[in-house]
Structure formats: structure tokens, C-alpha cells
Amino acid sequence: MQWEVVIGLEIHTQLSTQSKIFSSASTAFGAEPNTQTSTVDIALPGVLPVMNKAAVDKAIRFGLAIGAKINRKSVFARKNYFYPDLPKGYQISQFELPVVEGGQITIRVGDEDKVIRLTRAHLEEDAGKSVHEDFHGMSGIDLNRAGTPLLEIVSEPDMRSAAEAIAYAKALHSLVTWIGICDGNMQEGSFRCDVNVSVRPKGQAEFGTRREIKNLNSFKFMEQAIKYEVQWQIEQIEDGHKIQQATVLFDPDTGETRMMRSKEDAHDYRYFPDPDLPPLVIGEDWIERVKGELPELPEAMQARFESQYGLPGYDAGTLTASKDLAAYFEATVAAGADAKLASNWIMGEVSATLNREERELADSPVKAEALALLIKRVMDGTINNKTAKDVLRKMWESGDGADAIIERDGLKQESDAGAIEAIIDGMLAANAAMVEEYRSGKEKAFNALVGQCMKASKGKANPAQVNEILKRKLG
């Protein structure tokens, strides 16, 4: 039997506000346990929550960015459940009337574009955190996170593979950081993913029973968890067992999911409107103000890169996957580099070096203006592309500019036709057998002869001139 995978994501995005969603306590990461918890966050008797306007701003900003409906009136509810890190016994969230409804995000998997529909995005407070690793035989509770503002973004079950789920999560991560509502730090819990996974026989309209994989904070772990869970569910069904709706955890050490608890439905949480919070009313002027503050969005920038700079769709999509990368590209072009060459160098050598050294682009020792000068030296024939890669490495290590390195190390390209011709004559005399191979019809021998010329010139000969003169002499 052929099986179809059905995946939907619930992503908890921590909003980058200075204070919590209903109190003035700090949201800064890394403080000593229980030092950033106010009486409001744990609902001591007599305290009242007060809505953080900056959190609403960021929710509106997200809704506008995905083309969603911003509800002019939304309601906060109490979601009742009992857990050690939730001292209130309930979480303030939104249920029937969220602040954002609908919207969509376009993802690319391989050469295909796919639209993923969003169900809703609602504001809520985070719970605290149970701490196990610092204790023996017991657990500690850190309530610093309690009350931290979250925007929970819920997708429709539109994804059909782990690859699509990862593409969607990455696109969403890029968007929330791009529009400045979240720092996107997955290690610190700022962007956490819950993945609902089910399988069904191919062609069946009815969904299978889903299991929810909780709190994934790595795209790599998300992919591993989905693939394991899909295979596990298929094997269970084929062995005659029924899938039980459940919440599961992924263990990176074993690569397996394990059941945490049977999954609750909405009615199990006994939602009811929070009596301490009036409805959230958003006026047209508020929405217009936030709209005016939105930056150029990735899709619009990608289209502009294609039209303004003549870049292929792949290049434009890659460069606009990150706001920093897009800005670096535009600064490189503004400093005089050819757009396509700038794209090639940034997506190639620059990105590869950053990945190898595990650096962020902001920490690159080669700034956009310095890269532009290096590219211009390739464009004007001062150095060839192979030498330029060596120059970039030296720029990276020393912080020196391209011109200084080219002059100091004598790397200027040889473009004198007479000098190149002399090098070729010497090379042909020394490689008579290879010349005969080429003349007998072995085309690959020509590339080998070019390589010998470049070697004889210590990489300095202009490759285009080498090819031209060599073809003439062998013709």
C-alpha cells in the first residue's frame, strides 16, 4: 500500500519585546532562575494583567506580512491545565477570536513552489521551565520565561513531506526575523516548533490520527523526528495496530520519538474568556501605522532583484532568504561590482567560508566594499578568478585590501600577448605527445594543455588569452 504523509505545524515565536506580555518584568535571556518573575506572571491574588502594546504591534506586523485578516476585535481566554511550571493553573491565550486569521506563505522545494495556508496566529504567554539536569532525583522550576510574549503560528495540514515541513519552518523563521518581530534564536527557545504528523492511504480524503511532536528547536532534529515518526506510524498500521492521538517527544540521542501523554483536544482545556482582560480592539489607524513601518518583504525584494539586477530566480531567492545577505549583496553592487559576479561570490566563496568558520555574516572580516574591489579586479583583468579566490582567503585572514595583497604578492595577471605566446611556445615544445593527442581528435587534451600553460605562468596568465592563442597555434 502507498501512504501519504500529512503534516501541520504550530510554531511558537517569542516576540522581541523588552517586557512580558502582561507585566513589566524583563524578557532578557540568561538571568539567574526566578529573578525575572513578577506577581502578575504567577497570578498572585489581587494582581491584574495589562496588555503589552508592542506585542500587539508585532502580531499585526506578522499578519500584514502574510496577507492575513487582522481581527479588529480579538479575545483572550484562559487555557486551563496543570503542570509544575504553570503556577497559575492556566495560560492566557487566544482561542475563538485570535488576532490574526488566515494568510499564506510560499515555499520552494526543489524546483517547485507551493503555497502553505495558515489557519491563525494568536497571542499568548509562555509558561515557565522545568529544569532536570542540575538536580539528582528531583526537578527545579525556573519561572523566568513565565509571561514571555509568544505568537503561536498555526498552519493548515498542507505539507506532505519532511522536506516541505522544513522548507516552511525555514521560510517562517526567515520572515519573522526579517520583519523584526523575533530574534529567531532557536537555541534560546525563541523559535520552537510543534509538528503534527499523520499518515493515510494514498487517495484517501479522510485524515489519519495525528501525533504531535513537541518543542523541536532545530531544523535538523525536526527532519529526523518527522522521518522517524512517519515510518513508525506506517509500521504500526501495517502491523494491525491503531494510532492513538498523543503528544510525543523526540530524543536526538536515539533518533526516536516517545510518547509523553495522550493528546488533549480543545475541550479538555476548558477555555473561557479571561475576566481580567477586556477584548483587544485594533483600529484602522493602528493597522495603517504598522503597515507604514513594514520593510520591503522577501518576495517583493526577490522580484526586484530579478528585474533590477537581472539575477536568475535561484540567485534572487537565495540572497533574499536573509535580510543581512540581501543587504550585503546590494552594498557590494553599490560599490561597483557586477551584480551576477557579486551574487556568485557571495553565494559561493563568502558563504562557504562563513559556514566553515561558523560565523555570521555580520562578523565577516571582508566587508561589502572590500569584496566589490576584489570583484572589480577580476572584471578589469588585473587578476583571474582562480587567483581572486586566493586573494579573498588572504583578505579574510589578514584584513588587508585586495590591491595591497595583489601588489605585495606579485599576483597581477599577465595579459601581455607576447609574454603569453612565449610561455605557450615553451609549453608546446615540452609536451609534444599531448599536442599529437589533441591533433588526433582527443578534445580533452586541449584542457590539459591549457592547464600546463597556467602552471608554467604560475597561474598569472590571462586564461582567455591563453585559450585564444593556444587555439590559433594548434589550429
Protein backbone atom coordinates (compact mmCIF):
# COMPACT_ATOMS: atom_id res chain seq x y z
CA MET A 1 0.00 0.00 0.00
CA GLN A 2 1.17 3.52 -0.76
CA TRP A 3 0.98 6.03 2.07
CA GLU A 4 0.59 9.80 2.09
CA VAL A 5 2.08 11.94 4.85
CA VAL A 6 0.06 14.85 6.26
CA ILE A 7 1.88 17.49 8.29
CA GLY A 8 0.80 20.70 10.03
CA LEU A 9 2.99 22.94 12.19
CA GLU A 10 2.38 25.04 15.28
CA ILE A 11 5.30 27.41 15.76
CA HIS A 12 5.83 29.39 18.95
CA THR A 13 7.58 32.63 18.08
CA GLN A 14 8.90 34.64 21.03
CA LEU A 15 8.18 38.30 20.33
CA SER A 16 11.18 40.58 20.77
CA THR A 17 9.73 42.93 23.38
CA GLN A 18 11.65 44.32 26.35
CA SER A 19 8.98 43.30 28.86
CA LYS A 20 6.49 40.47 29.21
CA ILE A 21 3.09 40.32 27.62
CA PHE A 22 1.06 41.25 30.74
CA SER A 23 3.68 42.60 33.16
CA SER A 24 6.73 44.88 33.26
CA ALA A 25 9.16 42.02 34.08
CA SER A 26 12.17 41.72 31.75
CA THR A 27 12.33 39.17 28.93
CA ALA A 28 16.17 39.16 28.77
CA PHE A 29 17.64 35.69 28.30
CA GLY A 30 20.12 34.06 30.66
CA ALA A 31 19.25 35.64 34.04
CA GLU A 32 19.53 33.64 37.25
CA PRO A 33 16.48 31.38 37.74
CA ASN A 34 13.35 33.08 39.12
CA THR A 35 14.84 36.59 39.11
CA GLN A 36 12.60 37.91 36.31
CA THR A 37 9.19 36.84 37.57
CA SER A 38 6.58 39.32 38.73
CA THR A 39 3.49 38.78 40.84
CA VAL A 40 1.41 39.23 37.67
CA ASP A 41 3.21 36.39 35.86
CA ILE A 42 2.25 33.90 38.56
CA ALA A 43 -1.21 35.45 39.24
CA LEU A 44 -0.90 36.16 42.94
CA PRO A 45 -4.21 37.31 44.48
CA GLY A 46 -5.17 40.89 43.70
CA VAL A 47 -2.92 41.42 40.64
CA LEU A 48 -4.21 42.29 37.17
CA PRO A 49 -2.60 41.70 33.76
CA VAL A 50 -2.03 44.70 31.46
CA MET A 51 -1.62 44.16 27.70
CA ASN A 52 1.81 44.96 26.19
CA LYS A 53 1.08 47.17 23.16
CA ALA A 54 4.43 46.30 21.50
CA ALA A 55 3.41 42.62 21.38
CA VAL A 56 0.21 43.57 19.54
CA ASP A 57 2.23 45.72 17.10
CA LYS A 58 4.35 42.69 16.22
CA ALA A 59 1.32 40.42 15.78
CA ILE A 60 -0.25 42.96 13.38
CA ARG A 61 3.05 43.24 11.52
CA PHE A 62 3.14 39.48 11.01
CA GLY A 63 -0.47 39.36 9.85
CA LEU A 64 0.16 42.06 7.27
CA ALA A 65 3.31 40.30 6.03
CA ILE A 66 1.41 37.08 5.24
CA GLY A 67 -1.67 38.77 3.76
CA ALA A 68 -3.91 37.67 6.63
CA LYS A 69 -7.03 39.15 8.16
CA ILE A 70 -6.34 41.28 11.23
CA ASN A 71 -9.32 40.88 13.52
CA ARG A 72 -10.44 44.28 14.72
CA LYS A 73 -11.62 42.62 17.91
CA SER A 74 -9.95 39.60 19.48
CA VAL A 75 -10.43 37.95 22.85
CA PHE A 76 -8.07 36.49 25.44
CA ALA A 77 -9.03 33.22 27.11
CA ARG A 78 -7.81 31.09 29.96
CA LYS A 79 -6.46 27.73 28.85
CA ASN A 80 -6.68 25.52 31.91
CA TYR A 81 -4.19 22.77 32.59
CA PHE A 82 -1.96 21.72 35.47
CA TYR A 83 1.78 21.43 35.18
CA PRO A 84 4.62 22.22 37.62
CA ASP A 85 5.93 25.16 35.54
CA LEU A 86 2.46 26.76 35.31
CA PRO A 87 1.77 28.01 38.85
CA LYS A 88 -1.40 29.85 37.80
CA GLY A 89 -3.06 26.62 36.70
CA TYR A 90 -3.95 28.32 33.42
CA GLN A 91 -2.28 30.04 30.48
CA ILE A 92 -3.62 33.27 28.99
CA SER A 93 -4.02 32.64 25.27
CA GLN A 94 -6.50 33.27 22.45
CA PHE A 95 -8.95 30.67 21.19
CA GLU A 96 -12.16 31.55 19.35
CA LEU A 97 -11.10 35.04 18.23
CA PRO A 98 -7.34 35.26 17.50
CA VAL A 99 -5.65 38.48 16.45
CA VAL A 100 -4.61 37.06 13.03
CA GLU A 101 -6.65 34.76 10.80
CA GLY A 102 -5.66 33.12 7.52
CA GLY A 103 -2.76 34.19 5.34
CA GLN A 104 -0.23 32.13 3.42
CA ILE A 105 3.46 31.54 2.81
CA THR A 106 5.02 30.28 -0.42
CA ILE A 107 7.80 27.72 -0.07
CA ARG A 108 10.16 26.20 -2.63
CA VAL A 109 11.11 22.52 -2.56
CA GLY A 110 13.43 21.58 -5.40
CA ASP A 111 12.14 23.40 -8.47
CA GLU A 112 8.53 23.54 -7.25
CA ASP A 113 6.73 26.38 -5.46
CA LYS A 114 3.94 25.50 -3.05
CA VAL A 115 1.55 27.70 -1.07
CA ILE A 116 1.08 26.77 2.59
CA ARG A 117 -2.08 28.18 4.14
CA LEU A 118 -2.06 29.50 7.68
CA THR A 119 -5.02 28.94 9.98
CA ARG A 120 -4.28 31.59 12.57
CA ALA A 121 -1.68 33.35 14.67
CA HIS A 122 -2.63 34.16 18.23
CA LEU A 123 -1.02 35.94 21.13
CA GLU A 124 -0.32 34.10 24.38
CA GLU A 125 2.02 33.97 27.34
CA ASP A 126 4.77 31.39 27.73
CA ALA A 127 4.94 29.00 30.68
CA GLY A 128 7.97 28.50 32.94
CA LYS A 129 10.55 25.78 32.52
CA SER A 130 11.20 22.54 34.38
CA VAL A 131 14.92 22.03 34.97
CA HIS A 132 16.19 18.47 35.36
CA GLU A 133 19.89 18.43 34.57
CA ASP A 134 21.05 20.37 37.66
CA PHE A 135 19.35 18.12 40.18
CA HIS A 136 19.56 14.49 41.26
CA GLY A 137 16.29 12.67 41.74
CA MET A 138 14.24 15.84 41.54
CA SER A 139 13.42 18.76 39.25
CA GLY A 140 13.67 22.53 39.64
CA ILE A 141 11.30 25.17 38.32
CA ASP A 142 12.51 28.37 36.64
CA LEU A 143 9.72 30.89 36.09
CA ASN A 144 11.77 33.48 34.21
CA ARG A 145 10.02 32.56 30.96
CA ALA A 146 6.54 32.71 32.51
CA GLY A 147 4.65 35.54 30.83
CA THR A 148 7.07 35.95 27.92
CA PRO A 149 5.04 37.06 24.85
CA LEU A 150 4.51 34.45 22.16
CA LEU A 151 2.82 34.50 18.78
CA GLU A 152 1.69 30.94 18.08
CA ILE A 153 1.50 30.46 14.30
CA VAL A 154 -0.69 27.54 13.21
CA SER A 155 -0.62 26.16 9.66
CA GLU A 156 -3.20 24.12 7.81
CA PRO A 157 -2.16 20.45 7.30
CA ASP A 158 -0.85 21.28 3.80
CA MET A 159 2.61 19.69 3.94
CA ARG A 160 3.22 16.24 2.52
CA SER A 161 6.85 15.51 3.38
CA ALA A 162 9.61 16.31 5.85
CA ALA A 163 11.25 18.43 3.13
CA GLU A 164 8.14 20.60 2.79
CA ALA A 165 7.84 20.98 6.57
CA ILE A 166 11.47 22.08 6.87
CA ALA A 167 11.09 24.50 3.94
CA TYR A 168 8.01 26.02 5.59
CA ALA A 169 9.66 26.32 9.02
CA LYS A 170 12.74 27.93 7.47
CA ALA A 171 10.62 30.35 5.43
CA LEU A 172 8.68 31.34 8.55
CA HIS A 173 11.91 31.71 10.55
CA SER A 174 13.31 33.96 7.83
CA LEU A 175 10.14 36.06 7.73
CA VAL A 176 9.77 36.69 11.48
CA THR A 177 13.42 37.73 11.76
CA TRP A 178 13.17 39.79 8.54
CA ILE A 179 10.24 41.86 9.83
CA GLY A 180 11.87 42.23 13.24
CA ILE A 181 9.31 40.54 15.49
CA CYS A 182 11.59 37.73 16.75
CA ASP A 183 15.35 37.21 17.08
CA GLY A 184 14.92 33.63 15.79
CA ASN A 185 17.40 32.14 18.27
CA MET A 186 16.36 28.50 18.37
CA GLN A 187 18.95 27.52 20.97
CA GLU A 188 17.42 30.01 23.42
CA GLY A 189 13.87 28.86 22.67
CA SER A 190 12.81 31.94 20.69
CA PHE A 191 11.51 29.81 17.81
CA ARG A 192 10.07 26.42 18.78
CA CYS A 193 8.18 24.03 16.54
CA ASP A 194 5.44 21.51 17.30
CA VAL A 195 4.83 19.16 14.36
CA ASN A 196 1.54 17.30 13.85
CA VAL A 197 2.14 14.15 11.80
CA SER A 198 -0.31 11.59 10.43
CA VAL A 199 -0.38 9.13 7.54
CA ARG A 200 -3.22 7.87 5.33
CA PRO A 201 -3.56 5.55 2.35
CA LYS A 202 -2.80 7.46 -0.84
CA GLY A 203 -6.04 8.74 -2.36
CA GLN A 204 -7.99 8.69 0.92
CA ALA A 205 -9.67 12.02 1.73
CA GLU A 206 -10.03 11.46 5.47
CA PHE A 207 -7.06 12.35 7.65
CA GLY A 208 -5.35 9.72 9.78
CA THR A 209 -4.87 10.06 13.55
CA ARG A 210 -2.14 12.58 14.28
CA ARG A 211 0.62 12.62 16.85
CA GLU A 212 2.21 15.90 17.88
CA ILE A 213 6.00 16.11 18.22
CA LYS A 214 6.66 18.85 20.79
CA ASN A 215 9.33 21.53 21.23
CA LEU A 216 11.69 20.97 18.31
CA ASN A 217 14.34 23.70 18.31
CA SER A 218 16.49 22.55 15.37
CA PHE A 219 15.66 22.06 11.70
CA LYS A 220 17.94 19.03 11.65
CA PHE A 221 16.12 17.41 14.58
CA MET A 222 12.75 18.31 13.03
CA GLU A 223 13.63 16.43 9.85
CA GLN A 224 14.88 13.41 11.79
CA ALA A 225 11.81 13.40 14.05
CA ILE A 226 9.31 13.59 11.16
CA LYS A 227 11.02 10.81 9.18
CA TYR A 228 11.14 8.53 12.22
CA GLU A 229 7.53 9.26 13.20
CA VAL A 230 6.20 8.66 9.68
CA GLN A 231 7.96 5.29 9.44
CA TRP A 232 6.80 4.33 12.93
CA GLN A 233 3.15 5.13 12.18
CA ILE A 234 3.21 3.21 8.89
CA GLU A 235 4.72 0.16 10.57
CA GLN A 236 2.16 0.30 13.40
CA ILE A 237 -0.78 0.42 10.98
CA GLU A 238 0.63 -2.32 8.74
CA ASP A 239 1.11 -4.50 11.83
CA GLY A 240 -2.61 -4.12 12.63
CA HIS A 241 -2.37 -1.52 15.40
CA LYS A 242 -4.32 1.73 15.68
CA ILE A 243 -2.59 5.07 16.11
CA GLN A 244 -3.54 6.78 19.37
CA GLN A 245 -3.65 10.57 19.35
CA ALA A 246 -0.74 11.62 21.52
CA THR A 247 1.93 14.18 22.32
CA VAL A 248 5.43 12.80 21.80
CA LEU A 249 8.99 13.99 22.36
CA PHE A 250 11.97 13.47 20.08
CA ASP A 251 15.20 12.11 21.56
CA PRO A 252 18.17 13.31 19.45
CA ASP A 253 20.45 10.71 21.06
CA THR A 254 18.35 7.74 19.90
CA GLY A 255 16.73 9.40 16.88
CA GLU A 256 13.34 8.19 18.11
CA THR A 257 10.07 9.71 19.29
CA ARG A 258 8.48 8.58 22.55
CA MET A 259 5.03 9.18 23.93
CA MET A 260 4.72 11.83 26.65
CA ARG A 261 0.94 11.87 27.17
CA SER A 262 -2.28 11.17 25.33
CA LYS A 263 -3.19 14.25 23.30
CA GLU A 264 -5.78 16.65 24.64
CA ASP A 265 -8.44 18.28 22.48
CA ALA A 266 -9.56 21.89 22.85
CA HIS A 267 -12.46 20.98 25.15
CA ASP A 268 -10.02 19.37 27.61
CA TYR A 269 -8.54 22.80 28.31
CA ARG A 270 -11.92 24.30 29.31
CA TYR A 271 -11.28 27.61 27.54
CA PHE A 272 -13.27 30.60 28.75
CA PRO A 273 -12.77 34.37 28.28
CA ASP A 274 -10.28 35.84 30.76
CA PRO A 275 -12.34 38.02 33.12
CA ASP A 276 -9.35 40.31 33.84
CA LEU A 277 -8.70 41.29 30.20
CA PRO A 278 -11.13 43.22 28.01
CA PRO A 279 -11.33 42.38 24.29
CA LEU A 280 -8.37 43.62 22.25
CA VAL A 281 -9.70 46.27 19.84
CA ILE A 282 -7.47 47.28 16.90
CA GLY A 283 -8.42 50.40 14.97
CA GLU A 284 -7.73 51.13 11.31
CA ASP A 285 -5.23 53.86 12.21
CA TRP A 286 -3.24 51.34 14.25
CA ILE A 287 -3.08 48.91 11.31
CA GLU A 288 -2.11 51.69 8.89
CA ARG A 289 0.70 52.84 11.18
CA VAL A 290 2.16 49.33 11.40
CA LYS A 291 1.77 48.86 7.64
CA GLY A 292 3.80 52.01 7.07
CA GLU A 293 6.61 50.64 9.24
CA LEU A 294 6.91 47.31 7.37
CA PRO A 295 10.20 46.76 5.50
CA GLU A 296 10.29 45.50 1.91
CA LEU A 297 9.24 41.86 2.19
CA PRO A 298 11.34 38.93 0.88
CA GLU A 299 9.03 38.04 -2.05
CA ALA A 300 8.91 41.65 -3.25
CA MET A 301 12.67 42.00 -2.87
CA GLN A 302 13.26 38.75 -4.76
CA ALA A 303 11.17 40.04 -7.68
CA ARG A 304 13.08 43.34 -7.60
CA PHE A 305 16.46 41.57 -7.62
CA GLU A 306 15.39 39.68 -10.73
CA SER A 307 14.16 42.79 -12.56
CA GLN A 308 16.65 45.39 -11.29
CA TYR A 309 19.81 43.29 -11.32
CA GLY A 310 18.89 40.67 -13.92
CA LEU A 311 19.54 37.82 -11.49
CA PRO A 312 18.17 34.30 -12.07
CA GLY A 313 15.32 33.27 -9.76
CA TYR A 314 17.58 30.90 -7.81
CA ASP A 315 20.11 33.63 -7.04
CA ALA A 316 17.44 36.15 -6.08
CA GLY A 317 15.71 33.62 -3.83
CA THR A 318 18.94 32.61 -2.08
CA LEU A 319 20.08 36.20 -1.49
CA THR A 320 16.71 37.27 -0.08
CA ALA A 321 16.48 34.32 2.30
CA SER A 322 18.31 36.54 4.80
CA LYS A 323 17.96 40.28 5.31
CA ASP A 324 21.68 40.57 6.10
CA LEU A 325 22.65 38.64 2.97
CA ALA A 326 20.42 40.83 0.78
CA ALA A 327 21.88 44.00 2.28
CA TYR A 328 25.44 42.70 1.80
CA PHE A 329 24.70 41.95 -1.87
CA GLU A 330 23.20 45.38 -2.54
CA ALA A 331 26.12 47.10 -0.80
CA THR A 332 28.59 45.09 -2.93
CA VAL A 333 26.82 46.10 -6.14
CA ALA A 334 26.52 49.73 -4.98
CA ALA A 335 30.33 49.72 -4.51
CA GLY A 336 30.81 48.90 -8.19
CA ALA A 337 30.70 45.11 -8.55
CA ASP A 338 28.83 43.39 -11.37
CA ALA A 339 25.56 42.04 -9.95
CA LYS A 340 25.88 38.46 -11.22
CA LEU A 341 29.55 38.22 -10.18
CA ALA A 342 28.64 39.62 -6.75
CA SER A 343 25.89 37.02 -6.42
CA ASN A 344 28.26 34.22 -7.41
CA TRP A 345 30.94 35.29 -4.94
CA ILE A 346 28.52 35.83 -2.04
CA MET A 347 26.65 32.56 -2.55
CA GLY A 348 29.92 30.74 -3.23
CA GLU A 349 33.22 31.63 -1.59
CA VAL A 350 31.89 34.07 1.03
CA SER A 351 29.07 31.79 2.27
CA ALA A 352 31.32 28.71 2.21
CA THR A 353 33.96 30.45 4.33
CA LEU A 354 31.34 31.70 6.80
CA ASN A 355 29.89 28.19 7.13
CA ARG A 356 33.32 26.63 7.55
CA GLU A 357 34.22 29.06 10.32
CA GLU A 358 30.69 29.02 11.82
CA ARG A 359 30.46 32.81 11.60
CA GLU A 360 27.55 35.12 10.98
CA LEU A 361 27.72 37.50 8.02
CA ALA A 362 27.86 40.46 10.40
CA ASP A 363 31.18 39.07 11.69
CA SER A 364 32.76 38.72 8.24
CA PRO A 365 36.21 40.36 8.10
CA VAL A 366 35.61 41.09 4.40
CA LYS A 367 33.05 43.87 4.15
CA ALA A 368 30.92 44.52 1.06
CA GLU A 369 33.13 47.35 -0.23
CA ALA A 370 36.26 45.19 0.05
CA LEU A 371 34.58 42.32 -1.82
CA ALA A 372 33.43 44.75 -4.53
CA LEU A 373 37.03 45.90 -5.10
CA LEU A 374 38.19 42.28 -5.43
CA ILE A 375 35.44 41.59 -7.97
CA LYS A 376 36.41 44.73 -9.92
CA ARG A 377 39.98 43.44 -10.14
CA VAL A 378 38.63 40.29 -11.79
CA MET A 379 36.42 42.39 -14.07
CA ASP A 380 39.28 44.63 -15.25
CA GLY A 381 41.66 41.71 -15.79
CA THR A 382 44.11 42.57 -13.01
CA ILE A 383 43.77 39.02 -11.65
CA ASN A 384 41.96 35.92 -12.83
CA ASN A 385 39.19 34.11 -10.97
CA LYS A 386 41.46 31.41 -9.52
CA THR A 387 43.91 33.97 -8.14
CA ALA A 388 40.99 36.02 -6.77
CA LYS A 389 39.96 33.08 -4.56
CA ASP A 390 43.46 33.03 -3.09
CA VAL A 391 43.33 36.80 -2.58
CA LEU A 392 39.96 36.50 -0.77
CA ARG A 393 41.46 33.93 1.59
CA LYS A 394 44.33 36.30 2.39
CA MET A 395 41.90 39.22 2.84
CA TRP A 396 39.92 37.08 5.26
CA GLU A 397 42.98 36.13 7.29
CA SER A 398 44.80 39.48 7.33
CA GLY A 399 42.13 42.13 6.90
CA ASP A 400 44.21 43.71 4.11
CA GLY A 401 42.58 45.00 0.93
CA ALA A 402 42.73 43.25 -2.45
CA ASP A 403 45.04 45.81 -4.08
CA ALA A 404 47.58 45.62 -1.25
CA ILE A 405 47.69 41.81 -1.42
CA ILE A 406 47.94 41.73 -5.23
CA GLU A 407 50.84 44.21 -5.18
CA ARG A 408 52.64 42.67 -2.21
CA ASP A 409 52.48 39.09 -3.51
CA GLY A 410 53.03 39.91 -7.19
CA LEU A 411 49.74 38.37 -8.27
CA LYS A 412 48.89 40.70 -11.14
CA GLN A 413 47.65 38.77 -14.16
CA GLU A 414 49.92 38.55 -17.20
CA SER A 415 47.98 39.99 -20.14
CA ASP A 416 50.87 40.79 -22.47
CA ALA A 417 50.18 38.74 -25.61
CA GLY A 418 53.88 38.41 -26.45
CA ALA A 419 54.77 37.08 -22.98
CA ILE A 420 51.88 34.61 -23.04
CA GLU A 421 52.86 33.44 -26.53
CA ALA A 422 56.39 32.75 -25.32
CA ILE A 423 55.04 30.68 -22.41
CA ILE A 424 52.82 28.70 -24.81
CA ASP A 425 55.68 28.05 -27.24
CA GLY A 426 57.80 26.64 -24.43
CA MET A 427 54.92 24.51 -23.15
CA LEU A 428 54.16 23.07 -26.63
CA ALA A 429 57.79 22.15 -27.15
CA ALA A 430 57.84 20.31 -23.84
CA ASN A 431 54.53 18.46 -24.43
CA ALA A 432 54.77 17.17 -28.00
CA ALA A 433 52.92 13.92 -27.16
CA MET A 434 49.96 15.81 -25.72
CA VAL A 435 49.88 18.06 -28.81
CA GLU A 436 49.68 14.97 -31.04
CA GLU A 437 46.82 13.57 -28.92
CA TYR A 438 44.85 16.78 -29.46
CA ARG A 439 45.54 16.82 -33.18
CA SER A 440 44.43 13.20 -33.47
CA GLY A 441 40.97 14.16 -32.17
CA LYS A 442 41.21 13.95 -28.38
CA GLU A 443 39.48 17.20 -27.38
CA LYS A 444 40.23 16.71 -23.66
CA ALA A 445 43.92 17.13 -24.40
CA PHE A 446 43.28 20.83 -25.08
CA ASN A 447 42.23 21.42 -21.48
CA ALA A 448 45.33 19.62 -20.29
CA LEU A 449 47.48 21.91 -22.47
CA VAL A 450 45.73 24.98 -21.03
CA GLY A 451 46.48 23.63 -17.57
CA GLN A 452 50.16 23.25 -18.47
CA CYS A 453 50.25 26.86 -19.69
CA MET A 454 48.69 28.15 -16.48
CA LYS A 455 51.13 26.08 -14.46
CA ALA A 456 54.10 27.44 -16.43
CA SER A 457 52.87 31.00 -15.79
CA LYS A 458 52.34 30.24 -12.06
CA GLY A 459 48.65 30.96 -12.53
CA LYS A 460 49.21 34.53 -13.70
CA ALA A 461 48.44 34.21 -17.42
CA ASN A 462 45.11 35.59 -18.61
CA PRO A 463 43.06 32.39 -19.20
CA ALA A 464 41.03 33.91 -22.05
CA GLN A 465 44.20 34.92 -23.90
CA VAL A 466 45.78 31.52 -23.25
CA ASN A 467 42.78 29.80 -24.83
CA GLU A 468 42.73 32.14 -27.81
CA ILE A 469 46.47 31.96 -28.59
CA LEU A 470 46.66 28.22 -27.98
CA LYS A 471 43.76 27.53 -30.36
CA ARG A 472 45.44 29.66 -33.02
CA LYS A 473 48.77 27.84 -32.64
CA LEU A 474 47.18 24.38 -32.70
CA GLY A 475 44.76 25.25 -35.49
